PDB file of all heavy atoms in Angstrom:
ATOM      1  N   ASN A   1       0.899  -1.158   0.002  1.00  0.00           N
ATOM      2  CA  ASN A   1      -0.004   0.008   0.002  1.00  0.00           C
ATOM      3  C   ASN A   1       0.904   1.217  -0.001  1.00  0.00           C
ATOM      4  O   ASN A   1       1.724   1.382   0.894  1.00  0.00           O
ATOM      5  CB  ASN A   1      -0.891  -0.027   1.248  1.00  0.00           C
ATOM      6  CG  ASN A   1      -1.529   1.324   1.556  1.00  0.00           C
ATOM      7  OD1 ASN A   1      -0.998   2.050   2.432  1.00  0.00           O
ATOM      8  ND2 ASN A   1      -2.567   1.696   0.883  1.00  0.00           N
ATOM      9  N   MET A   2       0.800   2.033  -1.027  1.00  0.00           N
ATOM     10  CA  MET A   2       1.711   3.181  -1.219  1.00  0.00           C
ATOM     11  C   MET A   2       0.921   4.486  -1.051  1.00  0.00           C
ATOM     12  O   MET A   2      -0.157   4.629  -1.672  1.00  0.00           O
ATOM     13  CB  MET A   2       2.357   3.188  -2.599  1.00  0.00           C
ATOM     14  CG  MET A   2       3.031   1.900  -3.003  1.00  0.00           C
ATOM     15  SD  MET A   2       4.482   1.537  -1.964  1.00  0.00           S
ATOM     16  CE  MET A   2       5.324   0.360  -2.910  1.00  0.00           C
ATOM     17  N   THR A   3       1.425   5.399  -0.221  1.00  0.00           N
ATOM     18  CA  THR A   3       0.780   6.706  -0.053  1.00  0.00           C
ATOM     19  C   THR A   3       1.770   7.829  -0.359  1.00  0.00           C
ATOM     20  O   THR A   3       2.844   7.832   0.210  1.00  0.00           O
ATOM     21  CB  THR A   3       0.252   6.859   1.401  1.00  0.00           C
ATOM     22  OG1 THR A   3      -0.640   5.752   1.708  1.00  0.00           O
ATOM     23  CG2 THR A   3      -0.509   8.156   1.586  1.00  0.00           C
ATOM     24  N   TYR A   4       1.364   8.713  -1.257  1.00  0.00           N
ATOM     25  CA  TYR A   4       2.222   9.849  -1.592  1.00  0.00           C
ATOM     26  C   TYR A   4       2.029  10.944  -0.504  1.00  0.00           C
ATOM     27  O   TYR A   4       0.935  11.452  -0.358  1.00  0.00           O
ATOM     28  CB  TYR A   4       1.832  10.420  -2.974  1.00  0.00           C
ATOM     29  CG  TYR A   4       2.079   9.472  -4.103  1.00  0.00           C
ATOM     30  CD1 TYR A   4       1.188   8.503  -4.466  1.00  0.00           C
ATOM     31  CD2 TYR A   4       3.289   9.541  -4.861  1.00  0.00           C
ATOM     32  CE1 TYR A   4       1.399   7.599  -5.513  1.00  0.00           C
ATOM     33  CE2 TYR A   4       3.488   8.660  -5.891  1.00  0.00           C
ATOM     34  CZ  TYR A   4       2.594   7.731  -6.185  1.00  0.00           C
ATOM     35  OH  TYR A   4       2.815   6.816  -7.227  1.00  0.00           O
ATOM     36  N   LEU A   5       3.061  11.238   0.246  1.00  0.00           N
ATOM     37  CA  LEU A   5       2.961  12.276   1.233  1.00  0.00           C
ATOM     38  C   LEU A   5       3.072  13.669   0.622  1.00  0.00           C
ATOM     39  O   LEU A   5       2.653  14.680   1.171  1.00  0.00           O
ATOM     40  CB  LEU A   5       4.033  12.080   2.353  1.00  0.00           C
ATOM     41  CG  LEU A   5       3.955  10.687   2.992  1.00  0.00           C
ATOM     42  CD1 LEU A   5       5.036  10.520   4.057  1.00  0.00           C
ATOM     43  CD2 LEU A   5       2.578  10.479   3.653  1.00  0.00           C
ATOM     44  N   THR A   6       3.693  13.687  -0.586  1.00  0.00           N
ATOM     45  CA  THR A   6       3.776  14.918  -1.406  1.00  0.00           C
ATOM     46  C   THR A   6       3.575  14.453  -2.834  1.00  0.00           C
ATOM     47  O   THR A   6       3.737  13.288  -3.114  1.00  0.00           O
ATOM     48  CB  THR A   6       5.156  15.574  -1.282  1.00  0.00           C
ATOM     49  OG1 THR A   6       6.141  14.616  -1.778  1.00  0.00           O
ATOM     50  CG2 THR A   6       5.532  15.968   0.137  1.00  0.00           C
ATOM     51  N   PRO A   7       3.262  15.393  -3.765  1.00  0.00           N
ATOM     52  CA  PRO A   7       3.158  14.920  -5.160  1.00  0.00           C
ATOM     53  C   PRO A   7       4.449  14.348  -5.637  1.00  0.00           C
ATOM     54  O   PRO A   7       5.505  14.865  -5.284  1.00  0.00           O
ATOM     55  CB  PRO A   7       2.810  16.209  -5.928  1.00  0.00           C
ATOM     56  CG  PRO A   7       2.338  17.195  -4.942  1.00  0.00           C
ATOM     57  CD  PRO A   7       3.000  16.789  -3.627  1.00  0.00           C
ATOM     58  N   GLY A   8       4.416  13.259  -6.373  1.00  0.00           N
ATOM     59  CA  GLY A   8       5.680  12.640  -6.849  1.00  0.00           C
ATOM     60  C   GLY A   8       5.387  11.463  -7.783  1.00  0.00           C
ATOM     61  O   GLY A   8       4.249  11.219  -8.178  1.00  0.00           O
ATOM     62  N   PHE A   9       6.460  10.764  -8.139  1.00  0.00           N
ATOM     63  CA  PHE A   9       6.328   9.634  -9.008  1.00  0.00           C
ATOM     64  C   PHE A   9       7.411   8.603  -8.707  1.00  0.00           C
ATOM     65  O   PHE A   9       8.426   8.921  -8.088  1.00  0.00           O
ATOM     66  CB  PHE A   9       6.346  10.045 -10.517  1.00  0.00           C
ATOM     67  CG  PHE A   9       7.632  10.642 -10.992  1.00  0.00           C
ATOM     68  CD1 PHE A   9       8.513   9.864 -11.740  1.00  0.00           C
ATOM     69  CD2 PHE A   9       7.960  11.960 -10.678  1.00  0.00           C
ATOM     70  CE1 PHE A   9       9.724  10.417 -12.163  1.00  0.00           C
ATOM     71  CE2 PHE A   9       9.117  12.501 -11.144  1.00  0.00           C
ATOM     72  CZ  PHE A   9      10.016  11.730 -11.891  1.00  0.00           C
ATOM     73  N   SER A  10       7.169   7.347  -9.119  1.00  0.00           N
ATOM     74  CA  SER A  10       8.115   6.268  -8.857  1.00  0.00           C
ATOM     75  C   SER A  10       8.242   5.411 -10.091  1.00  0.00           C
ATOM     76  O   SER A  10       7.380   5.418 -10.977  1.00  0.00           O
ATOM     77  CB  SER A  10       7.582   5.410  -7.706  1.00  0.00           C
ATOM     78  OG  SER A  10       7.305   6.150  -6.579  1.00  0.00           O
ATOM     79  N   MET A  11       9.362   4.682 -10.132  1.00  0.00           N
ATOM     80  CA  MET A  11       9.588   3.710 -11.218  1.00  0.00           C
ATOM     81  C   MET A  11       9.807   2.372 -10.591  1.00  0.00           C
ATOM     82  O   MET A  11      10.537   2.243  -9.643  1.00  0.00           O
ATOM     83  CB  MET A  11      10.780   4.144 -12.057  1.00  0.00           C
ATOM     84  CG  MET A  11      11.132   3.125 -13.172  1.00  0.00           C
ATOM     85  SD  MET A  11      12.485   3.695 -14.258  1.00  0.00           S
ATOM     86  CE  MET A  11      13.901   3.380 -13.252  1.00  0.00           C
ATOM     87  N   SER A  12       9.160   1.350 -11.183  1.00  0.00           N
ATOM     88  CA  SER A  12       9.352  -0.013 -10.705  1.00  0.00           C
ATOM     89  C   SER A  12      10.149  -0.816 -11.780  1.00  0.00           C
ATOM     90  O   SER A  12       9.781  -0.831 -12.948  1.00  0.00           O
ATOM     91  CB  SER A  12       8.064  -0.719 -10.447  1.00  0.00           C
ATOM     92  OG  SER A  12       7.620  -0.435  -9.140  1.00  0.00           O
ATOM     93  N   LEU A  13      11.197  -1.483 -11.344  1.00  0.00           N
ATOM     94  CA  LEU A  13      11.918  -2.459 -12.121  1.00  0.00           C
ATOM     95  C   LEU A  13      11.530  -3.843 -11.584  1.00  0.00           C
ATOM     96  O   LEU A  13      11.360  -3.992 -10.358  1.00  0.00           O
ATOM     97  CB  LEU A  13      13.405  -2.270 -12.071  1.00  0.00           C
ATOM     98  CG  LEU A  13      13.948  -0.914 -12.560  1.00  0.00           C
ATOM     99  CD1 LEU A  13      15.447  -0.821 -12.301  1.00  0.00           C
ATOM    100  CD2 LEU A  13      13.641  -0.751 -14.026  1.00  0.00           C
ATOM    101  N   ARG A  14      11.396  -4.862 -12.475  1.00  0.00           N
ATOM    102  CA  ARG A  14      10.937  -6.140 -11.973  1.00  0.00           C
ATOM    103  C   ARG A  14      11.758  -7.304 -12.566  1.00  0.00           C
ATOM    104  O   ARG A  14      12.293  -7.168 -13.599  1.00  0.00           O
ATOM    105  CB  ARG A  14       9.437  -6.294 -12.267  1.00  0.00           C
ATOM    106  CG  ARG A  14       9.012  -6.060 -13.674  1.00  0.00           C
ATOM    107  CD  ARG A  14       7.619  -5.384 -13.764  1.00  0.00           C
ATOM    108  NE  ARG A  14       6.546  -6.037 -13.157  1.00  0.00           N
ATOM    109  CZ  ARG A  14       5.824  -5.498 -12.140  1.00  0.00           C
ATOM    110  NH1 ARG A  14       6.156  -4.287 -11.683  1.00  0.00           N
ATOM    111  NH2 ARG A  14       4.835  -6.141 -11.595  1.00  0.00           N
ATOM    112  N   THR A  15      11.751  -8.379 -11.776  1.00  0.00           N
ATOM    113  CA  THR A  15      12.310  -9.639 -12.242  1.00  0.00           C
ATOM    114  C   THR A  15      11.216 -10.691 -12.160  1.00  0.00           C
ATOM    115  O   THR A  15      10.281 -10.559 -11.393  1.00  0.00           O
ATOM    116  CB  THR A  15      13.476 -10.077 -11.390  1.00  0.00           C
ATOM    117  OG1 THR A  15      12.969 -10.610 -10.158  1.00  0.00           O
ATOM    118  CG2 THR A  15      14.452  -8.993 -11.080  1.00  0.00           C
ATOM    119  N   LEU A  16      11.370 -11.714 -12.942  1.00  0.00           N
ATOM    120  CA  LEU A  16      10.419 -12.820 -12.919  1.00  0.00           C
ATOM    121  C   LEU A  16      10.453 -13.468 -11.528  1.00  0.00           C
ATOM    122  O   LEU A  16      11.439 -13.411 -10.804  1.00  0.00           O
ATOM    123  CB  LEU A  16      10.751 -13.877 -13.966  1.00  0.00           C
ATOM    124  CG  LEU A  16      10.516 -13.459 -15.421  1.00  0.00           C
ATOM    125  CD1 LEU A  16      11.105 -14.490 -16.365  1.00  0.00           C
ATOM    126  CD2 LEU A  16       9.053 -13.306 -15.702  1.00  0.00           C
ATOM    127  N   PRO A  17       9.329 -14.129 -11.094  1.00  0.00           N
ATOM    128  CA  PRO A  17       9.376 -14.857  -9.879  1.00  0.00           C
ATOM    129  C   PRO A  17      10.456 -15.914  -9.864  1.00  0.00           C
ATOM    130  O   PRO A  17      10.709 -16.527 -10.883  1.00  0.00           O
ATOM    131  CB  PRO A  17       7.973 -15.552  -9.795  1.00  0.00           C
ATOM    132  CG  PRO A  17       7.126 -14.926 -10.850  1.00  0.00           C
ATOM    133  CD  PRO A  17       8.054 -14.261 -11.852  1.00  0.00           C
ATOM    134  N   ARG A  18      11.067 -16.105  -8.700  1.00  0.00           N
ATOM    135  CA  ARG A  18      12.159 -17.096  -8.600  1.00  0.00           C
ATOM    136  C   ARG A  18      11.582 -18.528  -8.397  1.00  0.00           C
ATOM    137  O   ARG A  18      12.157 -19.471  -8.850  1.00  0.00           O
ATOM    138  CB  ARG A  18      13.065 -16.744  -7.396  1.00  0.00           C
ATOM    139  CG  ARG A  18      13.862 -15.484  -7.658  1.00  0.00           C
ATOM    140  CD  ARG A  18      14.570 -15.022  -6.393  1.00  0.00           C
ATOM    141  NE  ARG A  18      15.609 -15.945  -5.904  1.00  0.00           N
ATOM    142  CZ  ARG A  18      16.835 -15.945  -6.419  1.00  0.00           C
ATOM    143  NH1 ARG A  18      17.166 -15.106  -7.408  1.00  0.00           N
ATOM    144  NH2 ARG A  18      17.723 -16.804  -5.936  1.00  0.00           N
ATOM    145  N   SER A  19      10.440 -18.600  -7.723  1.00  0.00           N
ATOM    146  CA  SER A  19       9.941 -19.927  -7.439  1.00  0.00           C
ATOM    147  C   SER A  19       8.959 -20.413  -8.539  1.00  0.00           C
ATOM    148  O   SER A  19       8.158 -19.620  -9.076  1.00  0.00           O
ATOM    149  CB  SER A  19       9.185 -19.958  -6.059  1.00  0.00           C
ATOM    150  OG  SER A  19       7.857 -19.494  -6.200  1.00  0.00           O
ATOM    151  N   ALA A  20       9.029 -21.707  -8.840  1.00  0.00           N
ATOM    152  CA  ALA A  20       8.124 -22.300  -9.887  1.00  0.00           C
ATOM    153  C   ALA A  20       6.642 -22.119  -9.492  1.00  0.00           C
ATOM    154  O   ALA A  20       5.796 -21.901 -10.311  1.00  0.00           O
ATOM    155  CB  ALA A  20       8.489 -23.730 -10.077  1.00  0.00           C
ATOM    156  N   LYS A  21       6.425 -22.244  -8.160  1.00  0.00           N
ATOM    157  CA  LYS A  21       5.030 -22.105  -7.652  1.00  0.00           C
ATOM    158  C   LYS A  21       4.464 -20.747  -7.999  1.00  0.00           C
ATOM    159  O   LYS A  21       3.354 -20.585  -8.476  1.00  0.00           O
ATOM    160  CB  LYS A  21       5.100 -22.363  -6.170  1.00  0.00           C
ATOM    161  CG  LYS A  21       3.662 -22.439  -5.522  1.00  0.00           C
ATOM    162  CD  LYS A  21       3.780 -22.660  -4.039  1.00  0.00           C
ATOM    163  CE  LYS A  21       2.431 -22.663  -3.328  1.00  0.00           C
ATOM    164  NZ  LYS A  21       2.585 -22.731  -1.887  1.00  0.00           N
ATOM    165  N   ASN A  22       5.259 -19.676  -7.757  1.00  0.00           N
ATOM    166  CA  ASN A  22       4.792 -18.336  -8.037  1.00  0.00           C
ATOM    167  C   ASN A  22       4.689 -18.042  -9.511  1.00  0.00           C
ATOM    168  O   ASN A  22       3.850 -17.294  -9.951  1.00  0.00           O
ATOM    169  CB  ASN A  22       5.702 -17.300  -7.341  1.00  0.00           C
ATOM    170  CG  ASN A  22       5.447 -17.238  -5.846  1.00  0.00           C
ATOM    171  OD1 ASN A  22       4.380 -17.717  -5.354  1.00  0.00           O
ATOM    172  ND2 ASN A  22       6.297 -16.583  -5.116  1.00  0.00           N
ATOM    173  N   LEU A  23       5.595 -18.698 -10.322  1.00  0.00           N
ATOM    174  CA  LEU A  23       5.465 -18.594 -11.785  1.00  0.00           C
ATOM    175  C   LEU A  23       4.133 -19.120 -12.229  1.00  0.00           C
ATOM    176  O   LEU A  23       3.403 -18.545 -13.087  1.00  0.00           O
ATOM    177  CB  LEU A  23       6.573 -19.352 -12.455  1.00  0.00           C
ATOM    178  CG  LEU A  23       7.761 -18.529 -13.015  1.00  0.00           C
ATOM    179  CD1 LEU A  23       8.806 -19.450 -13.583  1.00  0.00           C
ATOM    180  CD2 LEU A  23       7.333 -17.527 -14.108  1.00  0.00           C
ATOM    181  N   GLY A  24       3.711 -20.264 -11.646  1.00  0.00           N
ATOM    182  CA  GLY A  24       2.454 -20.885 -11.966  1.00  0.00           C
ATOM    183  C   GLY A  24       1.285 -20.023 -11.552  1.00  0.00           C
ATOM    184  O   GLY A  24       0.316 -19.819 -12.257  1.00  0.00           O
ATOM    185  N   LYS A  25       1.391 -19.380 -10.356  1.00  0.00           N
ATOM    186  CA  LYS A  25       0.327 -18.491  -9.889  1.00  0.00           C
ATOM    187  C   LYS A  25       0.210 -17.250 -10.802  1.00  0.00           C
ATOM    188  O   LYS A  25      -0.891 -16.804 -11.105  1.00  0.00           O
ATOM    189  CB  LYS A  25       0.630 -17.994  -8.464  1.00  0.00           C
ATOM    190  CG  LYS A  25       0.389 -19.046  -7.389  1.00  0.00           C
ATOM    191  CD  LYS A  25       0.735 -18.415  -6.034  1.00  0.00           C
ATOM    192  CE  LYS A  25       0.604 -19.431  -4.889  1.00  0.00           C
ATOM    193  NZ  LYS A  25       1.095 -18.854  -3.643  1.00  0.00           N
ATOM    194  N   ALA A  26       1.388 -16.726 -11.252  1.00  0.00           N
ATOM    195  CA  ALA A  26       1.374 -15.554 -12.155  1.00  0.00           C
ATOM    196  C   ALA A  26       0.663 -15.926 -13.433  1.00  0.00           C
ATOM    197  O   ALA A  26      -0.160 -15.152 -13.936  1.00  0.00           O
ATOM    198  CB  ALA A  26       2.784 -15.134 -12.425  1.00  0.00           C
ATOM    199  N   PHE A  27       0.930 -17.098 -14.010  1.00  0.00           N
ATOM    200  CA  PHE A  27       0.317 -17.548 -15.255  1.00  0.00           C
ATOM    201  C   PHE A  27      -1.189 -17.685 -15.063  1.00  0.00           C
ATOM    202  O   PHE A  27      -2.005 -17.226 -15.866  1.00  0.00           O
ATOM    203  CB  PHE A  27       0.909 -18.898 -15.710  1.00  0.00           C
ATOM    204  CG  PHE A  27       0.299 -19.370 -16.982  1.00  0.00           C
ATOM    205  CD1 PHE A  27       0.666 -18.829 -18.229  1.00  0.00           C
ATOM    206  CD2 PHE A  27      -0.617 -20.429 -16.960  1.00  0.00           C
ATOM    207  CE1 PHE A  27       0.066 -19.276 -19.413  1.00  0.00           C
ATOM    208  CE2 PHE A  27      -1.161 -20.914 -18.147  1.00  0.00           C
ATOM    209  CZ  PHE A  27      -0.883 -20.323 -19.340  1.00  0.00           C
ATOM    210  N   TYR A  28      -1.559 -18.272 -13.915  1.00  0.00           N
ATOM    211  CA  TYR A  28      -3.012 -18.424 -13.604  1.00  0.00           C
ATOM    212  C   TYR A  28      -3.693 -17.066 -13.519  1.00  0.00           C
ATOM    213  O   TYR A  28      -4.756 -16.830 -14.125  1.00  0.00           O
ATOM    214  CB  TYR A  28      -3.157 -19.186 -12.295  1.00  0.00           C
ATOM    215  CG  TYR A  28      -4.571 -19.262 -11.761  1.00  0.00           C
ATOM    216  CD1 TYR A  28      -5.440 -20.251 -12.244  1.00  0.00           C
ATOM    217  CD2 TYR A  28      -5.083 -18.308 -10.877  1.00  0.00           C
ATOM    218  CE1 TYR A  28      -6.786 -20.281 -11.812  1.00  0.00           C
ATOM    219  CE2 TYR A  28      -6.394 -18.346 -10.461  1.00  0.00           C
ATOM    220  CZ  TYR A  28      -7.216 -19.349 -10.921  1.00  0.00           C
ATOM    221  OH  TYR A  28      -8.533 -19.370 -10.493  1.00  0.00           O
ATOM    222  N   ASN A  29      -3.099 -16.147 -12.799  1.00  0.00           N
ATOM    223  CA  ASN A  29      -3.651 -14.745 -12.640  1.00  0.00           C
ATOM    224  C   ASN A  29      -3.859 -14.051 -13.938  1.00  0.00           C
ATOM    225  O   ASN A  29      -4.876 -13.448 -14.190  1.00  0.00           O
ATOM    226  CB  ASN A  29      -2.742 -13.901 -11.748  1.00  0.00           C
ATOM    227  CG  ASN A  29      -2.749 -14.324 -10.279  1.00  0.00           C
ATOM    228  OD1 ASN A  29      -3.634 -15.052  -9.881  1.00  0.00           O
ATOM    229  ND2 ASN A  29      -1.822 -13.832  -9.546  1.00  0.00           N
ATOM    230  N   LEU A  30      -2.820 -14.166 -14.810  1.00  0.00           N
ATOM    231  CA  LEU A  30      -2.813 -13.417 -16.086  1.00  0.00           C
ATOM    232  C   LEU A  30      -3.813 -14.029 -17.088  1.00  0.00           C
ATOM    233  O   LEU A  30      -4.214 -13.367 -18.032  1.00  0.00           O
ATOM    234  CB  LEU A  30      -1.410 -13.364 -16.705  1.00  0.00           C
ATOM    235  CG  LEU A  30      -0.441 -12.444 -15.909  1.00  0.00           C
ATOM    236  CD1 LEU A  30       1.005 -12.793 -16.228  1.00  0.00           C
ATOM    237  CD2 LEU A  30      -0.695 -11.002 -16.239  1.00  0.00           C
ATOM    238  N   THR A  31      -4.141 -15.276 -16.907  1.00  0.00           N
ATOM    239  CA  THR A  31      -5.007 -15.947 -17.932  1.00  0.00           C
ATOM    240  C   THR A  31      -6.378 -16.243 -17.280  1.00  0.00           C
ATOM    241  O   THR A  31      -7.333 -15.523 -17.508  1.00  0.00           O
ATOM    242  CB  THR A  31      -4.371 -17.245 -18.444  1.00  0.00           C
ATOM    243  OG1 THR A  31      -3.998 -18.074 -17.301  1.00  0.00           O
ATOM    244  CG2 THR A  31      -3.146 -16.939 -19.241  1.00  0.00           C
ATOM    245  N   ILE A  32      -6.449 -17.260 -16.462  1.00  0.00           N
ATOM    246  CA  ILE A  32      -7.759 -17.693 -15.941  1.00  0.00           C
ATOM    247  C   ILE A  32      -8.398 -16.714 -15.029  1.00  0.00           C
ATOM    248  O   ILE A  32      -9.576 -16.314 -15.229  1.00  0.00           O
ATOM    249  CB  ILE A  32      -7.556 -19.073 -15.230  1.00  0.00           C
ATOM    250  CG1 ILE A  32      -7.111 -20.136 -16.262  1.00  0.00           C
ATOM    251  CG2 ILE A  32      -8.896 -19.544 -14.596  1.00  0.00           C
ATOM    252  CD1 ILE A  32      -6.531 -21.361 -15.675  1.00  0.00           C
ATOM    253  N   MET A  33      -7.693 -16.214 -14.022  1.00  0.00           N
ATOM    254  CA  MET A  33      -8.330 -15.314 -13.065  1.00  0.00           C
ATOM    255  C   MET A  33      -8.867 -14.049 -13.725  1.00  0.00           C
ATOM    256  O   MET A  33     -10.015 -13.655 -13.492  1.00  0.00           O
ATOM    257  CB  MET A  33      -7.371 -14.939 -11.946  1.00  0.00           C
ATOM    258  CG  MET A  33      -8.048 -14.177 -10.818  1.00  0.00           C
ATOM    259  SD  MET A  33      -6.921 -13.246  -9.730  1.00  0.00           S
ATOM    260  CE  MET A  33      -6.530 -11.891 -10.767  1.00  0.00           C
ATOM    261  N   ARG A  34      -8.066 -13.455 -14.588  1.00  0.00           N
ATOM    262  CA  ARG A  34      -8.468 -12.174 -15.218  1.00  0.00           C
ATOM    263  C   ARG A  34      -9.685 -12.477 -16.142  1.00  0.00           C
ATOM    264  O   ARG A  34     -10.628 -11.697 -16.165  1.00  0.00           O
ATOM    265  CB  ARG A  34      -7.306 -11.589 -16.035  1.00  0.00           C
ATOM    266  CG  ARG A  34      -7.603 -10.238 -16.577  1.00  0.00           C
ATOM    267  CD  ARG A  34      -6.407  -9.339 -16.718  1.00  0.00           C
ATOM    268  NE  ARG A  34      -5.375  -9.892 -17.520  1.00  0.00           N
ATOM    269  CZ  ARG A  34      -4.228  -9.247 -17.778  1.00  0.00           C
ATOM    270  NH1 ARG A  34      -4.031  -8.034 -17.229  1.00  0.00           N
ATOM    271  NH2 ARG A  34      -3.304  -9.748 -18.502  1.00  0.00           N
ATOM    272  N   GLY A  35      -9.653 -13.579 -16.891  1.00  0.00           N
ATOM    273  CA  GLY A  35     -10.756 -13.905 -17.745  1.00  0.00           C
ATOM    274  C   GLY A  35     -12.050 -14.189 -17.004  1.00  0.00           C
ATOM    275  O   GLY A  35     -13.118 -13.695 -17.378  1.00  0.00           O
ATOM    276  N   VAL A  36     -11.956 -14.945 -15.902  1.00  0.00           N
ATOM    277  CA  VAL A  36     -13.140 -15.214 -15.061  1.00  0.00           C
ATOM    278  C   VAL A  36     -13.725 -13.945 -14.518  1.00  0.00           C
ATOM    279  O   VAL A  36     -14.931 -13.702 -14.529  1.00  0.00           O
ATOM    280  CB  VAL A  36     -12.830 -16.227 -13.909  1.00  0.00           C
ATOM    281  CG1 VAL A  36     -13.896 -16.297 -12.869  1.00  0.00           C
ATOM    282  CG2 VAL A  36     -12.522 -17.604 -14.490  1.00  0.00           C
ATOM    283  N   GLU A  37     -12.854 -13.076 -14.036  1.00  0.00           N
ATOM    284  CA  GLU A  37     -13.290 -11.816 -13.402  1.00  0.00           C
ATOM    285  C   GLU A  37     -14.076 -10.935 -14.390  1.00  0.00           C
ATOM    286  O   GLU A  37     -15.168 -10.440 -14.106  1.00  0.00           O
ATOM    287  CB  GLU A  37     -12.107 -11.082 -12.852  1.00  0.00           C
ATOM    288  CG  GLU A  37     -12.439  -9.846 -12.034  1.00  0.00           C
ATOM    289  CD  GLU A  37     -13.263 -10.160 -10.776  1.00  0.00           C
ATOM    290  OE1 GLU A  37     -13.271 -11.327 -10.326  1.00  0.00           O
ATOM    291  OE2 GLU A  37     -13.922  -9.222 -10.310  1.00  0.00           O
TER     292      GLU A  37
END
């Protein structure tokens, strides 16, 4: 949960999940969960 205490902006850099379990969850979220929703 991010709260801006003053006006501003941020940049996020990302890496793929390290665990196979989380890779599977990510795939599920991006395909099935989003489609069902």
